[in-house]
Amino acid sequence: QVQLVESGGGLVQPGGSLRLSCAASGIIFSVNDMGWYRQAPGKQRDMVAFISTIPTTTYADSVKGRFTAVRDNRKNTVYLEMNSLKPEDTAVYYCCVGDFSRKTCDYWGQGTQVTVSS
């Protein structure tokens, strides 16, 4: 079955950086689009980034210029490099397997908590 395992979350000060990882199994990783979403307490789950098989990327306006999605097909892993973190980036971050053009997801990981606080 499809399994997505996120890691790399934690507590970081404003202005700091983190790199999230999402290891995939049960799929042919290289032919699948991958997404990153986040959900803050009391809010809906929103797209952060999507990366296609080409790869091309798209980002939410709130993270453009600060976050970068990268994929490594040899390791079946997608990364989210986060810089200049702000308190409003605090959320549970999820990766997914989905469709780049529709920005929809079919499979989800369990999520990893990112907390930005001094």
C-alpha atoms as a PDB file:
ATOM      1  CA  GLN A   1       0.000   0.000   0.000  1.00  0.00           C
ATOM      2  CA  VAL A   2       0.997   3.644  -0.365  1.00  0.00           C
ATOM      3  CA  GLN A   3       2.938   4.991   2.590  1.00  0.00           C
ATOM      4  CA  LEU A   4       4.220   8.530   3.093  1.00  0.00           C
ATOM      5  CA  VAL A   5       6.384   9.310   6.112  1.00  0.00           C
ATOM      6  CA  GLU A   6       7.207  12.930   6.947  1.00  0.00           C
ATOM      7  CA  SER A   7      10.067  13.982   9.196  1.00  0.00           C
ATOM      8  CA  GLY A   8      12.124  17.027  10.056  1.00  0.00           C
ATOM      9  CA  GLY A   9       9.607  19.111  11.961  1.00  0.00           C
ATOM     10  CA  GLY A  10      10.355  20.802  15.247  1.00  0.00           C
ATOM     11  CA  LEU A  11      10.646  24.061  17.131  1.00  0.00           C
ATOM     12  CA  VAL A  12      12.522  26.900  15.449  1.00  0.00           C
ATOM     13  CA  GLN A  13      12.929  30.596  16.158  1.00  0.00           C
ATOM     14  CA  PRO A  14      11.527  33.236  13.794  1.00  0.00           C
ATOM     15  CA  GLY A  15      13.911  33.750  10.898  1.00  0.00           C
ATOM     16  CA  GLY A  16      15.219  30.210  11.175  1.00  0.00           C
ATOM     17  CA  SER A  17      15.176  27.322   8.739  1.00  0.00           C
ATOM     18  CA  LEU A  18      13.970  23.740   8.597  1.00  0.00           C
ATOM     19  CA  ARG A  19      13.986  21.017   5.975  1.00  0.00           C
ATOM     20  CA  LEU A  20      11.089  18.594   5.929  1.00  0.00           C
ATOM     21  CA  SER A  21      11.379  15.195   4.268  1.00  0.00           C
ATOM     22  CA  CYS A  22       8.703  12.861   2.958  1.00  0.00           C
ATOM     23  CA  ALA A  23       9.724   9.310   2.099  1.00  0.00           C
ATOM     24  CA  ALA A  24       7.319   7.462  -0.189  1.00  0.00           C
ATOM     25  CA  SER A  25       6.771   3.752  -0.722  1.00  0.00           C
ATOM     26  CA  GLY A  26       4.168   1.654  -2.516  1.00  0.00           C
ATOM     27  CA  ILE A  27       4.180   3.909  -5.592  1.00  0.00           C
ATOM     28  CA  ILE A  28       6.370   4.492  -8.622  1.00  0.00           C
ATOM     29  CA  PHE A  29       7.656   7.737  -7.196  1.00  0.00           C
ATOM     30  CA  SER A  30       9.159   9.199 -10.377  1.00  0.00           C
ATOM     31  CA  VAL A  31       5.809   9.274 -12.223  1.00  0.00           C
ATOM     32  CA  ASN A  32       3.820  10.886  -9.424  1.00  0.00           C
ATOM     33  CA  ASP A  33       3.257  14.531  -8.579  1.00  0.00           C
ATOM     34  CA  MET A  34       3.852  15.393  -4.929  1.00  0.00           C
ATOM     35  CA  GLY A  35       2.411  18.095  -2.714  1.00  0.00           C
ATOM     36  CA  TRP A  36       3.001  19.772   0.631  1.00  0.00           C
ATOM     37  CA  TYR A  37       0.090  21.101   2.665  1.00  0.00           C
ATOM     38  CA  ARG A  38      -0.236  22.558   6.142  1.00  0.00           C
ATOM     39  CA  GLN A  39      -2.964  22.890   8.725  1.00  0.00           C
ATOM     40  CA  ALA A  40      -2.891  25.289  11.643  1.00  0.00           C
ATOM     41  CA  PRO A  41      -5.178  24.769  14.684  1.00  0.00           C
ATOM     42  CA  GLY A  42      -8.758  25.702  13.855  1.00  0.00           C
ATOM     43  CA  LYS A  43      -7.991  26.292  10.178  1.00  0.00           C
ATOM     44  CA  GLN A  44      -8.425  24.326   6.976  1.00  0.00           C
ATOM     45  CA  ARG A  45      -5.625  22.397   5.323  1.00  0.00           C
ATOM     46  CA  ASP A  46      -4.016  24.595   2.650  1.00  0.00           C
ATOM     47  CA  MET A  47      -1.569  23.904  -0.141  1.00  0.00           C
ATOM     48  CA  VAL A  48       1.984  25.071   0.485  1.00  0.00           C
ATOM     49  CA  ALA A  49       3.760  23.665  -2.581  1.00  0.00           C
ATOM     50  CA  PHE A  50       3.310  21.185  -5.388  1.00  0.00           C
ATOM     51  CA  ILE A  51       6.036  19.595  -7.480  1.00  0.00           C
ATOM     52  CA  SER A  52       5.408  17.746 -10.712  1.00  0.00           C
ATOM     53  CA  THR A  53       7.346  14.899 -12.305  1.00  0.00           C
ATOM     54  CA  ILE A  54       9.166  17.247 -14.729  1.00  0.00           C
ATOM     55  CA  PRO A  55       9.788  18.808 -12.155  1.00  0.00           C
ATOM     56  CA  THR A  56       7.937  22.111 -12.086  1.00  0.00           C
ATOM     57  CA  THR A  57       6.850  23.732  -8.856  1.00  0.00           C
ATOM     58  CA  THR A  58       4.128  26.028  -7.623  1.00  0.00           C
ATOM     59  CA  TYR A  59       3.798  27.720  -4.246  1.00  0.00           C
ATOM     60  CA  ALA A  60       1.274  29.461  -2.084  1.00  0.00           C
ATOM     61  CA  ASP A  61       1.764  33.231  -2.189  1.00  0.00           C
ATOM     62  CA  SER A  62       2.501  33.265   1.540  1.00  0.00           C
ATOM     63  CA  VAL A  63       5.634  31.126   1.123  1.00  0.00           C
ATOM     64  CA  LYS A  64       6.978  32.226  -2.273  1.00  0.00           C
ATOM     65  CA  GLY A  65      10.631  33.139  -2.077  1.00  0.00           C
ATOM     66  CA  ARG A  66      11.021  31.425   1.313  1.00  0.00           C
ATOM     67  CA  PHE A  67      10.096  27.768   0.704  1.00  0.00           C
ATOM     68  CA  THR A  68      11.447  25.397  -1.945  1.00  0.00           C
ATOM     69  CA  ALA A  69      10.124  21.957  -2.871  1.00  0.00           C
ATOM     70  CA  VAL A  70      12.692  19.497  -4.187  1.00  0.00           C
ATOM     71  CA  ARG A  71      12.379  15.858  -5.169  1.00  0.00           C
ATOM     72  CA  ASP A  72      14.976  13.088  -5.299  1.00  0.00           C
ATOM     73  CA  ASN A  73      13.664  10.231  -7.429  1.00  0.00           C
ATOM     74  CA  ARG A  74      16.611   8.014  -6.472  1.00  0.00           C
ATOM     75  CA  LYS A  75      15.543   8.169  -2.826  1.00  0.00           C
ATOM     76  CA  ASN A  76      11.763   8.281  -3.411  1.00  0.00           C
ATOM     77  CA  THR A  77      11.753  11.407  -1.270  1.00  0.00           C
ATOM     78  CA  VAL A  78      10.370  14.912  -1.567  1.00  0.00           C
ATOM     79  CA  TYR A  79      11.712  17.762   0.549  1.00  0.00           C
ATOM     80  CA  LEU A  80      10.401  21.117   1.662  1.00  0.00           C
ATOM     81  CA  GLU A  81      13.166  23.578   2.447  1.00  0.00           C
ATOM     82  CA  MET A  82      11.816  26.374   4.616  1.00  0.00           C
ATOM     83  CA  ASN A  83      13.733  29.588   5.240  1.00  0.00           C
ATOM     84  CA  SER A  84      12.925  32.886   6.966  1.00  0.00           C
ATOM     85  CA  LEU A  85      10.297  31.144   9.019  1.00  0.00           C
ATOM     86  CA  LYS A  86       7.550  33.211  10.639  1.00  0.00           C
ATOM     87  CA  PRO A  87       5.234  32.444  13.567  1.00  0.00           C
ATOM     88  CA  GLU A  88       2.361  32.180  11.087  1.00  0.00           C
ATOM     89  CA  ASP A  89       4.114  29.205   9.465  1.00  0.00           C
ATOM     90  CA  THR A  90       3.325  27.191  12.601  1.00  0.00           C
ATOM     91  CA  ALA A  91       1.227  24.199  11.552  1.00  0.00           C
ATOM     92  CA  VAL A  92       1.195  20.475  10.958  1.00  0.00           C
ATOM     93  CA  TYR A  93       2.780  19.860   7.565  1.00  0.00           C
ATOM     94  CA  TYR A  94       1.595  16.995   5.371  1.00  0.00           C
ATOM     95  CA  CYS A  95       2.932  15.578   2.143  1.00  0.00           C
ATOM     96  CA  CYS A  96       0.715  13.913  -0.412  1.00  0.00           C
ATOM     97  CA  VAL A  97       0.638  12.080  -3.728  1.00  0.00           C
ATOM     98  CA  GLY A  98      -1.634  13.872  -6.135  1.00  0.00           C
ATOM     99  CA  ASP A  99      -2.220  15.834  -9.326  1.00  0.00           C
ATOM    100  CA  PHE A 100      -0.182  18.945 -10.059  1.00  0.00           C
ATOM    101  CA  SER A 101      -2.666  20.491 -12.501  1.00  0.00           C
ATOM    102  CA  ARG A 102      -5.691  20.074 -10.205  1.00  0.00           C
ATOM    103  CA  LYS A 103      -3.802  20.521  -6.920  1.00  0.00           C
ATOM    104  CA  THR A 104      -5.589  17.546  -5.439  1.00  0.00           C
ATOM    105  CA  CYS A 105      -4.231  14.687  -3.343  1.00  0.00           C
ATOM    106  CA  ASP A 106      -5.015  10.988  -3.272  1.00  0.00           C
ATOM    107  CA  TYR A 107      -2.759   9.799  -0.434  1.00  0.00           C
ATOM    108  CA  TRP A 108      -1.538  11.605   2.659  1.00  0.00           C
ATOM    109  CA  GLY A 109       1.205  11.208   5.212  1.00  0.00           C
ATOM    110  CA  GLN A 110       0.657  11.457   8.958  1.00  0.00           C
ATOM    111  CA  GLY A 111       2.080  14.967   9.232  1.00  0.00           C
ATOM    112  CA  THR A 112       4.924  16.615  11.112  1.00  0.00           C
ATOM    113  CA  GLN A 113       4.600  19.556  13.497  1.00  0.00           C
ATOM    114  CA  VAL A 114       6.439  22.792  12.783  1.00  0.00           C
ATOM    115  CA  THR A 115       6.405  25.437  15.502  1.00  0.00           C
ATOM    116  CA  VAL A 116       7.954  28.857  14.935  1.00  0.00           C
ATOM    117  CA  SER A 117       8.336  30.697  18.216  1.00  0.00           C
ATOM    118  CA  SER A 118      10.879  32.610  20.245  1.00  0.00           C
END
